[in-house]
Amino acid sequence: MKFKLILIFALSLFVCSLGFAGEIPKVVKTKSLILSGKITDIKSKELLAGVKITCADCKKTVYSDLDGNFFIYLETTDENLKLEISQVGYSSKTLNLQDLPSNPSNLQINLASE
């Protein structure tokens, strides 16, 4: 009886240890970005309200306010991040993270009417 208990204990200890024998998860470095600025019409320089700013990779969408201002906070692991800026009646614009200035807190985005 004592041998059976020791055998059951040893086997259960072995089976439990298999659960921890998996691959160690890799540390993923995320990059935090705060992008903000104004969106205007390229010809009239009028501030545009309700412009949709989408980061498909981050699954995040914001809209510009009544004064054309926008603010978006992103956390990403991808250096090839793309922002899609669109408004009804205007041509859409795509911005790559790599093309943005080193201080993306005061972006000036101009959209052309269709």
Protein backbone atom coordinates (compact mmCIF):
# COMPACT_ATOMS: atom_id res chain seq x y z
CA MET A 1 0.00 0.00 0.00
CA LYS A 2 2.82 2.40 0.87
CA PHE A 3 4.50 1.63 -2.47
CA LYS A 4 1.27 2.44 -4.37
CA LEU A 5 0.95 5.82 -2.60
CA ILE A 6 4.57 6.69 -3.38
CA LEU A 7 4.07 5.62 -7.01
CA ILE A 8 0.85 7.68 -7.36
CA PHE A 9 2.55 10.69 -5.75
CA ALA A 10 5.59 10.38 -8.04
CA LEU A 11 3.45 10.02 -11.17
CA SER A 12 1.23 12.97 -10.26
CA LEU A 13 4.33 15.07 -9.52
CA PHE A 14 5.75 14.09 -12.92
CA VAL A 15 2.49 14.93 -14.73
CA CYS A 16 2.26 18.30 -12.94
CA SER A 17 5.83 19.16 -13.87
CA LEU A 18 5.04 18.58 -17.57
CA GLY A 19 2.70 21.57 -17.44
CA PHE A 20 5.63 23.83 -16.59
CA ALA A 21 7.98 22.30 -19.17
CA GLY A 22 6.62 24.47 -22.00
CA GLU A 23 8.46 27.19 -23.83
CA ILE A 24 9.22 30.34 -21.89
CA PRO A 25 7.16 33.22 -23.32
CA LYS A 26 9.09 35.92 -25.14
CA VAL A 27 9.06 39.43 -23.78
CA VAL A 28 7.29 41.69 -26.26
CA LYS A 29 8.43 45.29 -26.27
CA THR A 30 5.61 47.71 -26.88
CA LYS A 31 6.04 51.27 -27.97
CA SER A 32 3.69 53.96 -26.68
CA LEU A 33 2.86 56.87 -28.95
CA ILE A 34 0.76 59.95 -28.43
CA LEU A 35 -0.20 61.57 -31.69
CA SER A 36 -2.07 64.86 -31.81
CA GLY A 37 -2.56 67.79 -34.12
CA LYS A 38 -4.99 69.61 -36.41
CA ILE A 39 -6.72 68.59 -39.61
CA THR A 40 -7.48 71.24 -42.21
CA ASP A 41 -8.71 71.61 -45.77
CA ILE A 42 -5.67 72.00 -48.03
CA LYS A 43 -7.16 74.85 -50.10
CA SER A 44 -9.31 76.90 -47.73
CA LYS A 45 -7.27 76.12 -44.56
CA GLU A 46 -10.64 75.55 -42.84
CA LEU A 47 -10.50 73.30 -39.76
CA LEU A 48 -12.25 69.97 -40.33
CA ALA A 49 -14.47 68.43 -37.66
CA GLY A 50 -15.44 64.76 -37.52
CA VAL A 51 -12.47 63.44 -39.46
CA LYS A 52 -11.92 59.73 -38.79
CA ILE A 53 -8.39 58.71 -37.73
CA THR A 54 -7.96 54.93 -37.67
CA CYS A 55 -5.06 52.70 -36.72
CA ALA A 56 -6.04 49.31 -38.15
CA ASP A 57 -3.07 47.52 -36.56
CA CYS A 58 -3.99 48.82 -33.09
CA LYS A 59 -7.75 48.57 -33.68
CA LYS A 60 -8.27 52.12 -32.52
CA THR A 61 -10.34 54.94 -34.02
CA VAL A 62 -10.77 58.59 -32.98
CA TYR A 63 -12.47 61.61 -34.56
CA SER A 64 -11.35 65.23 -34.76
CA ASP A 65 -13.27 67.73 -32.62
CA LEU A 66 -15.08 70.88 -33.78
CA ASP A 67 -11.78 72.78 -34.02
CA GLY A 68 -10.10 70.06 -36.13
CA ASN A 69 -8.01 68.84 -33.18
CA PHE A 70 -7.36 65.15 -32.61
CA PHE A 71 -5.56 63.08 -30.00
CA ILE A 72 -4.80 59.36 -30.19
CA TYR A 73 -2.83 57.17 -27.79
CA LEU A 74 -1.33 54.03 -29.35
CA GLU A 75 0.55 51.06 -27.98
CA THR A 76 2.18 48.97 -30.68
CA THR A 77 4.94 46.48 -31.34
CA ASP A 78 4.97 47.22 -35.06
CA GLU A 79 7.31 49.84 -36.50
CA ASN A 80 5.32 49.86 -39.77
CA LEU A 81 2.26 51.41 -38.18
CA LYS A 82 -0.19 53.15 -40.52
CA LEU A 83 -2.85 55.74 -39.76
CA GLU A 84 -5.78 56.14 -42.13
CA ILE A 85 -7.35 59.62 -42.17
CA SER A 86 -10.70 59.94 -43.92
CA GLN A 87 -13.66 62.30 -44.21
CA VAL A 88 -16.72 62.26 -46.46
CA GLY A 89 -16.06 64.49 -49.47
CA TYR A 90 -12.27 64.39 -49.04
CA SER A 91 -9.56 62.09 -50.36
CA SER A 92 -8.30 59.63 -47.75
CA LYS A 93 -4.73 59.92 -46.56
CA THR A 94 -2.45 57.23 -45.10
CA LEU A 95 0.43 58.15 -42.80
CA ASN A 96 3.26 55.77 -41.95
CA LEU A 97 4.78 55.94 -38.49
CA GLN A 98 8.25 56.02 -40.01
CA ASP A 99 7.35 59.15 -42.02
CA LEU A 100 6.21 61.11 -38.97
CA PRO A 101 8.52 63.65 -37.32
CA SER A 102 10.34 62.72 -34.12
CA ASN A 103 7.84 64.84 -32.14
CA PRO A 104 4.41 63.73 -33.43
CA SER A 105 2.53 65.79 -30.86
CA ASN A 106 1.76 68.72 -33.18
CA LEU A 107 0.91 67.22 -36.57
CA GLN A 108 -0.62 69.34 -39.29
CA ILE A 109 -2.65 67.17 -41.67
CA ASN A 110 -4.17 68.63 -44.80
CA LEU A 111 -6.92 66.86 -46.74
CA ALA A 112 -7.86 67.61 -50.34
CA SER A 113 -11.50 67.74 -51.34
CA GLU A 114 -12.63 65.30 -54.03
